[in-house]
């Protein structure tokens, strides 16, 4: 009978230890992408600003580039936007934007409110290309090498620290 009293106590202690360990983990931790070191899914989409023209991943073949998934309704995307503008002005790497599941007029308004950091912006209104990339939310950013291989993914806004310590060194290495 005394052993039965200790079972709930042992379960309770185990649960407390499990929760305590969880408190010390990074709450912004990301699931690793299955696409890292694999070919980036090819796509051809209409350009947001010029819907009569398309953009294809083939246009970036031979270049290291960033692919940034964003939307006008995404508050973290709006917070990231000034950073992307600053990064684009460095000329280190071209940035291509995928406007994800968005209203075209709203997306154009966002781009007209300030500088446009994108070399190209395409529209993915149904989110089909985003599905191919495994997008779970916006913003998400990928570094794609000259051969069209995904080398990096970040599923949060790209801030200065990430830009300086992760993206710039990787882009420089890939451009050697």
C-alpha atoms as a PDB file:
ATOM      1  CA  UNK A   1       0.000   0.000   0.000  1.00  0.00           C
ATOM      2  CA  UNK A   2       2.872   2.404   0.809  1.00  0.00           C
ATOM      3  CA  UNK A   3       4.322   1.855  -2.680  1.00  0.00           C
ATOM      4  CA  UNK A   4       1.108   3.146  -4.257  1.00  0.00           C
ATOM      5  CA  UNK A   5       1.490   6.442  -2.385  1.00  0.00           C
ATOM      6  CA  UNK A   6       4.928   7.017  -3.910  1.00  0.00           C
ATOM      7  CA  UNK A   7       3.796   6.489  -7.507  1.00  0.00           C
ATOM      8  CA  UNK A   8       1.854   9.786  -7.753  1.00  0.00           C
ATOM      9  CA  UNK A   9       4.688  11.563  -5.934  1.00  0.00           C
ATOM     10  CA  UNK A  10       7.273  10.155  -8.366  1.00  0.00           C
ATOM     11  CA  UNK A  11       5.099  11.158 -11.345  1.00  0.00           C
ATOM     12  CA  UNK A  12       4.699  14.659  -9.915  1.00  0.00           C
ATOM     13  CA  UNK A  13       8.458  15.056  -9.394  1.00  0.00           C
ATOM     14  CA  UNK A  14       9.120  13.781 -12.930  1.00  0.00           C
ATOM     15  CA  UNK A  15       6.660  16.302 -14.336  1.00  0.00           C
ATOM     16  CA  UNK A  16       8.259  19.158 -12.376  1.00  0.00           C
ATOM     17  CA  UNK A  17      11.724  18.189 -13.665  1.00  0.00           C
ATOM     18  CA  UNK A  18      10.414  17.989 -17.241  1.00  0.00           C
ATOM     19  CA  UNK A  19       8.790  21.443 -16.998  1.00  0.00           C
ATOM     20  CA  UNK A  20      11.889  22.935 -15.346  1.00  0.00           C
ATOM     21  CA  UNK A  21      14.077  21.712 -18.222  1.00  0.00           C
ATOM     22  CA  UNK A  22      11.583  23.194 -20.702  1.00  0.00           C
ATOM     23  CA  UNK A  23      11.871  26.612 -19.061  1.00  0.00           C
ATOM     24  CA  UNK A  24      15.540  26.767 -19.982  1.00  0.00           C
ATOM     25  CA  UNK A  25      15.052  25.991 -23.667  1.00  0.00           C
ATOM     26  CA  UNK A  26      14.950  28.682 -26.345  1.00  0.00           C
ATOM     27  CA  UNK A  27      11.269  29.601 -26.833  1.00  0.00           C
ATOM     28  CA  UNK A  28      12.058  30.721 -30.385  1.00  0.00           C
ATOM     29  CA  UNK A  29      13.637  27.400 -31.230  1.00  0.00           C
ATOM     30  CA  UNK A  30      12.988  26.263 -34.744  1.00  0.00           C
ATOM     31  CA  UNK A  31      12.423  22.900 -36.224  1.00  0.00           C
ATOM     32  CA  UNK A  32      15.233  22.225 -38.660  1.00  0.00           C
ATOM     33  CA  UNK A  33      14.172  22.404 -42.284  1.00  0.00           C
ATOM     34  CA  UNK A  34      14.253  19.194 -44.267  1.00  0.00           C
ATOM     35  CA  UNK A  35      15.231  21.310 -47.286  1.00  0.00           C
ATOM     36  CA  UNK A  36      18.640  22.408 -45.999  1.00  0.00           C
ATOM     37  CA  UNK A  37      21.317  21.234 -48.462  1.00  0.00           C
ATOM     38  CA  UNK A  38      18.644  20.182 -50.956  1.00  0.00           C
ATOM     39  CA  UNK A  39      17.563  21.874 -54.197  1.00  0.00           C
ATOM     40  CA  UNK A  40      15.237  24.803 -53.686  1.00  0.00           C
ATOM     41  CA  UNK A  41      11.826  24.077 -55.156  1.00  0.00           C
ATOM     42  CA  UNK A  42      11.626  25.714 -58.576  1.00  0.00           C
ATOM     43  CA  UNK A  43       8.787  28.107 -59.237  1.00  0.00           C
ATOM     44  CA  UNK A  44       7.562  30.686 -61.686  1.00  0.00           C
ATOM     45  CA  UNK A  45       5.143  33.285 -60.328  1.00  0.00           C
ATOM     46  CA  UNK A  46       3.704  36.587 -61.426  1.00  0.00           C
ATOM     47  CA  UNK A  47       5.551  39.655 -60.226  1.00  0.00           C
ATOM     48  CA  UNK A  48       3.591  41.628 -57.646  1.00  0.00           C
ATOM     49  CA  UNK A  49       4.201  45.058 -59.186  1.00  0.00           C
ATOM     50  CA  UNK A  50       4.050  43.892 -62.816  1.00  0.00           C
ATOM     51  CA  UNK A  51       1.564  40.997 -62.962  1.00  0.00           C
ATOM     52  CA  UNK A  52       2.088  40.650 -66.713  1.00  0.00           C
ATOM     53  CA  UNK A  53       5.680  39.608 -65.988  1.00  0.00           C
ATOM     54  CA  UNK A  54       6.866  36.524 -64.162  1.00  0.00           C
ATOM     55  CA  UNK A  55       9.875  35.637 -62.067  1.00  0.00           C
ATOM     56  CA  UNK A  56      11.447  32.197 -62.082  1.00  0.00           C
ATOM     57  CA  UNK A  57      14.064  30.730 -59.763  1.00  0.00           C
ATOM     58  CA  UNK A  58      16.077  30.037 -62.923  1.00  0.00           C
ATOM     59  CA  UNK A  59      16.705  33.789 -63.158  1.00  0.00           C
ATOM     60  CA  UNK A  60      18.833  33.542 -60.016  1.00  0.00           C
ATOM     61  CA  UNK A  61      20.886  30.542 -61.191  1.00  0.00           C
ATOM     62  CA  UNK A  62      24.569  31.321 -60.710  1.00  0.00           C
ATOM     63  CA  UNK A  63      23.872  33.815 -57.884  1.00  0.00           C
ATOM     64  CA  UNK A  64      23.679  33.514 -54.113  1.00  0.00           C
ATOM     65  CA  UNK A  65      20.361  35.053 -53.052  1.00  0.00           C
ATOM     66  CA  UNK A  66      17.893  35.437 -50.207  1.00  0.00           C
ATOM     67  CA  UNK A  67      14.277  34.368 -50.513  1.00  0.00           C
ATOM     68  CA  UNK A  68      12.041  36.190 -48.022  1.00  0.00           C
ATOM     69  CA  UNK A  69       8.423  35.126 -47.457  1.00  0.00           C
ATOM     70  CA  UNK A  70       6.277  38.010 -46.186  1.00  0.00           C
ATOM     71  CA  UNK A  71       2.747  39.424 -46.097  1.00  0.00           C
ATOM     72  CA  UNK A  72       1.150  42.796 -45.443  1.00  0.00           C
ATOM     73  CA  UNK A  73      -0.995  41.321 -42.648  1.00  0.00           C
ATOM     74  CA  UNK A  74       2.093  39.965 -40.859  1.00  0.00           C
ATOM     75  CA  UNK A  75       3.221  42.268 -38.042  1.00  0.00           C
ATOM     76  CA  UNK A  76       6.671  40.624 -37.660  1.00  0.00           C
ATOM     77  CA  UNK A  77       7.142  41.130 -41.421  1.00  0.00           C
ATOM     78  CA  UNK A  78       6.455  44.838 -41.018  1.00  0.00           C
ATOM     79  CA  UNK A  79       8.988  44.964 -38.167  1.00  0.00           C
ATOM     80  CA  UNK A  80      11.538  43.160 -40.341  1.00  0.00           C
ATOM     81  CA  UNK A  81      10.978  45.386 -43.390  1.00  0.00           C
ATOM     82  CA  UNK A  82      13.316  48.281 -42.364  1.00  0.00           C
ATOM     83  CA  UNK A  83      16.054  45.740 -41.649  1.00  0.00           C
ATOM     84  CA  UNK A  84      15.624  44.220 -45.111  1.00  0.00           C
ATOM     85  CA  UNK A  85      15.806  47.684 -46.663  1.00  0.00           C
ATOM     86  CA  UNK A  86      19.109  48.327 -44.856  1.00  0.00           C
ATOM     87  CA  UNK A  87      20.479  44.909 -45.848  1.00  0.00           C
ATOM     88  CA  UNK A  88      19.524  45.388 -49.494  1.00  0.00           C
ATOM     89  CA  UNK A  89      21.424  48.677 -49.578  1.00  0.00           C
ATOM     90  CA  UNK A  90      24.648  46.870 -48.614  1.00  0.00           C
ATOM     91  CA  UNK A  91      24.572  45.042 -51.953  1.00  0.00           C
ATOM     92  CA  UNK A  92      25.879  41.872 -50.295  1.00  0.00           C
ATOM     93  CA  UNK A  93      23.081  39.679 -51.594  1.00  0.00           C
ATOM     94  CA  UNK A  94      19.943  40.188 -53.711  1.00  0.00           C
ATOM     95  CA  UNK A  95      16.654  39.627 -51.904  1.00  0.00           C
ATOM     96  CA  UNK A  96      13.639  38.106 -53.635  1.00  0.00           C
ATOM     97  CA  UNK A  97      10.298  38.430 -51.878  1.00  0.00           C
ATOM     98  CA  UNK A  98       7.374  36.042 -51.983  1.00  0.00           C
ATOM     99  CA  UNK A  99       4.208  37.850 -50.973  1.00  0.00           C
ATOM    100  CA  UNK A 100       2.330  35.019 -49.279  1.00  0.00           C
ATOM    101  CA  UNK A 101      -1.468  34.597 -49.144  1.00  0.00           C
ATOM    102  CA  UNK A 102      -1.985  38.325 -49.390  1.00  0.00           C
ATOM    103  CA  UNK A 103      -4.172  40.906 -51.025  1.00  0.00           C
ATOM    104  CA  UNK A 104      -2.227  42.480 -53.892  1.00  0.00           C
ATOM    105  CA  UNK A 105      -3.381  46.051 -53.128  1.00  0.00           C
ATOM    106  CA  UNK A 106      -2.403  45.714 -49.451  1.00  0.00           C
ATOM    107  CA  UNK A 107       1.020  44.329 -50.379  1.00  0.00           C
ATOM    108  CA  UNK A 108       1.616  47.152 -52.867  1.00  0.00           C
ATOM    109  CA  UNK A 109       0.675  49.666 -50.161  1.00  0.00           C
ATOM    110  CA  UNK A 110       3.333  48.230 -47.824  1.00  0.00           C
ATOM    111  CA  UNK A 111       5.982  48.507 -50.524  1.00  0.00           C
ATOM    112  CA  UNK A 112       4.935  52.062 -51.374  1.00  0.00           C
ATOM    113  CA  UNK A 113       5.172  53.207 -47.725  1.00  0.00           C
ATOM    114  CA  UNK A 114       8.961  53.004 -47.786  1.00  0.00           C
ATOM    115  CA  UNK A 115      11.849  51.607 -49.714  1.00  0.00           C
ATOM    116  CA  UNK A 116      11.448  48.292 -51.476  1.00  0.00           C
ATOM    117  CA  UNK A 117      14.282  45.930 -50.460  1.00  0.00           C
ATOM    118  CA  UNK A 118      13.471  43.330 -53.079  1.00  0.00           C
ATOM    119  CA  UNK A 119      15.147  42.764 -56.430  1.00  0.00           C
ATOM    120  CA  UNK A 120      11.907  40.955 -57.361  1.00  0.00           C
ATOM    121  CA  UNK A 121       8.632  40.448 -55.512  1.00  0.00           C
ATOM    122  CA  UNK A 122       6.296  37.690 -56.615  1.00  0.00           C
ATOM    123  CA  UNK A 123       2.779  36.907 -55.513  1.00  0.00           C
ATOM    124  CA  UNK A 124       1.814  33.516 -54.068  1.00  0.00           C
ATOM    125  CA  UNK A 125      -1.865  34.189 -53.263  1.00  0.00           C
ATOM    126  CA  UNK A 126      -2.841  30.560 -52.678  1.00  0.00           C
ATOM    127  CA  UNK A 127       0.404  29.714 -50.882  1.00  0.00           C
ATOM    128  CA  UNK A 128       1.303  26.818 -53.178  1.00  0.00           C
ATOM    129  CA  UNK A 129       4.976  27.737 -53.537  1.00  0.00           C
ATOM    130  CA  UNK A 130       5.190  28.394 -49.804  1.00  0.00           C
ATOM    131  CA  UNK A 131       3.946  24.845 -49.210  1.00  0.00           C
ATOM    132  CA  UNK A 132       6.780  23.526 -51.384  1.00  0.00           C
ATOM    133  CA  UNK A 133       9.242  25.447 -49.182  1.00  0.00           C
ATOM    134  CA  UNK A 134       7.662  24.187 -45.970  1.00  0.00           C
ATOM    135  CA  UNK A 135       6.608  27.666 -44.857  1.00  0.00           C
ATOM    136  CA  UNK A 136       4.759  27.544 -41.547  1.00  0.00           C
ATOM    137  CA  UNK A 137       4.441  31.285 -41.002  1.00  0.00           C
ATOM    138  CA  UNK A 138       5.803  34.601 -42.067  1.00  0.00           C
ATOM    139  CA  UNK A 139       8.429  35.881 -42.205  1.00  0.00           C
ATOM    140  CA  UNK A 140      10.708  33.099 -43.313  1.00  0.00           C
ATOM    141  CA  UNK A 141      14.030  33.646 -45.050  1.00  0.00           C
ATOM    142  CA  UNK A 142      16.186  31.244 -47.050  1.00  0.00           C
ATOM    143  CA  UNK A 143      19.727  31.552 -48.364  1.00  0.00           C
ATOM    144  CA  UNK A 144      20.021  29.823 -51.722  1.00  0.00           C
ATOM    145  CA  UNK A 145      23.410  29.172 -53.314  1.00  0.00           C
ATOM    146  CA  UNK A 146      24.552  29.538 -56.941  1.00  0.00           C
ATOM    147  CA  UNK A 147      23.436  26.008 -57.770  1.00  0.00           C
ATOM    148  CA  UNK A 148      19.946  26.495 -56.353  1.00  0.00           C
ATOM    149  CA  UNK A 149      20.612  24.637 -53.088  1.00  0.00           C
ATOM    150  CA  UNK A 150      19.030  25.892 -49.859  1.00  0.00           C
ATOM    151  CA  UNK A 151      21.835  26.507 -47.370  1.00  0.00           C
ATOM    152  CA  UNK A 152      19.990  28.328 -44.573  1.00  0.00           C
ATOM    153  CA  UNK A 153      16.490  28.950 -43.246  1.00  0.00           C
ATOM    154  CA  UNK A 154      15.268  31.328 -40.549  1.00  0.00           C
ATOM    155  CA  UNK A 155      11.624  31.390 -39.488  1.00  0.00           C
ATOM    156  CA  UNK A 156      11.689  34.688 -37.611  1.00  0.00           C
ATOM    157  CA  UNK A 157      12.500  38.288 -38.497  1.00  0.00           C
ATOM    158  CA  UNK A 158      16.089  38.780 -39.600  1.00  0.00           C
ATOM    159  CA  UNK A 159      17.583  41.310 -37.206  1.00  0.00           C
ATOM    160  CA  UNK A 160      21.057  42.850 -37.219  1.00  0.00           C
ATOM    161  CA  UNK A 161      22.661  40.159 -35.053  1.00  0.00           C
ATOM    162  CA  UNK A 162      21.425  37.341 -37.310  1.00  0.00           C
ATOM    163  CA  UNK A 163      22.443  39.297 -40.413  1.00  0.00           C
ATOM    164  CA  UNK A 164      25.972  39.964 -39.123  1.00  0.00           C
ATOM    165  CA  UNK A 165      26.719  36.618 -37.483  1.00  0.00           C
ATOM    166  CA  UNK A 166      24.863  34.119 -39.656  1.00  0.00           C
ATOM    167  CA  UNK A 167      23.797  35.405 -43.058  1.00  0.00           C
ATOM    168  CA  UNK A 168      26.690  37.651 -44.131  1.00  0.00           C
ATOM    169  CA  UNK A 169      29.430  35.096 -43.296  1.00  0.00           C
ATOM    170  CA  UNK A 170      27.457  32.361 -45.080  1.00  0.00           C
ATOM    171  CA  UNK A 171      26.848  34.506 -48.174  1.00  0.00           C
ATOM    172  CA  UNK A 172      30.520  35.494 -48.325  1.00  0.00           C
ATOM    173  CA  UNK A 173      31.574  31.854 -48.028  1.00  0.00           C
ATOM    174  CA  UNK A 174      29.122  30.788 -50.752  1.00  0.00           C
ATOM    175  CA  UNK A 175      30.357  33.560 -53.056  1.00  0.00           C
ATOM    176  CA  UNK A 176      34.021  32.442 -52.857  1.00  0.00           C
END
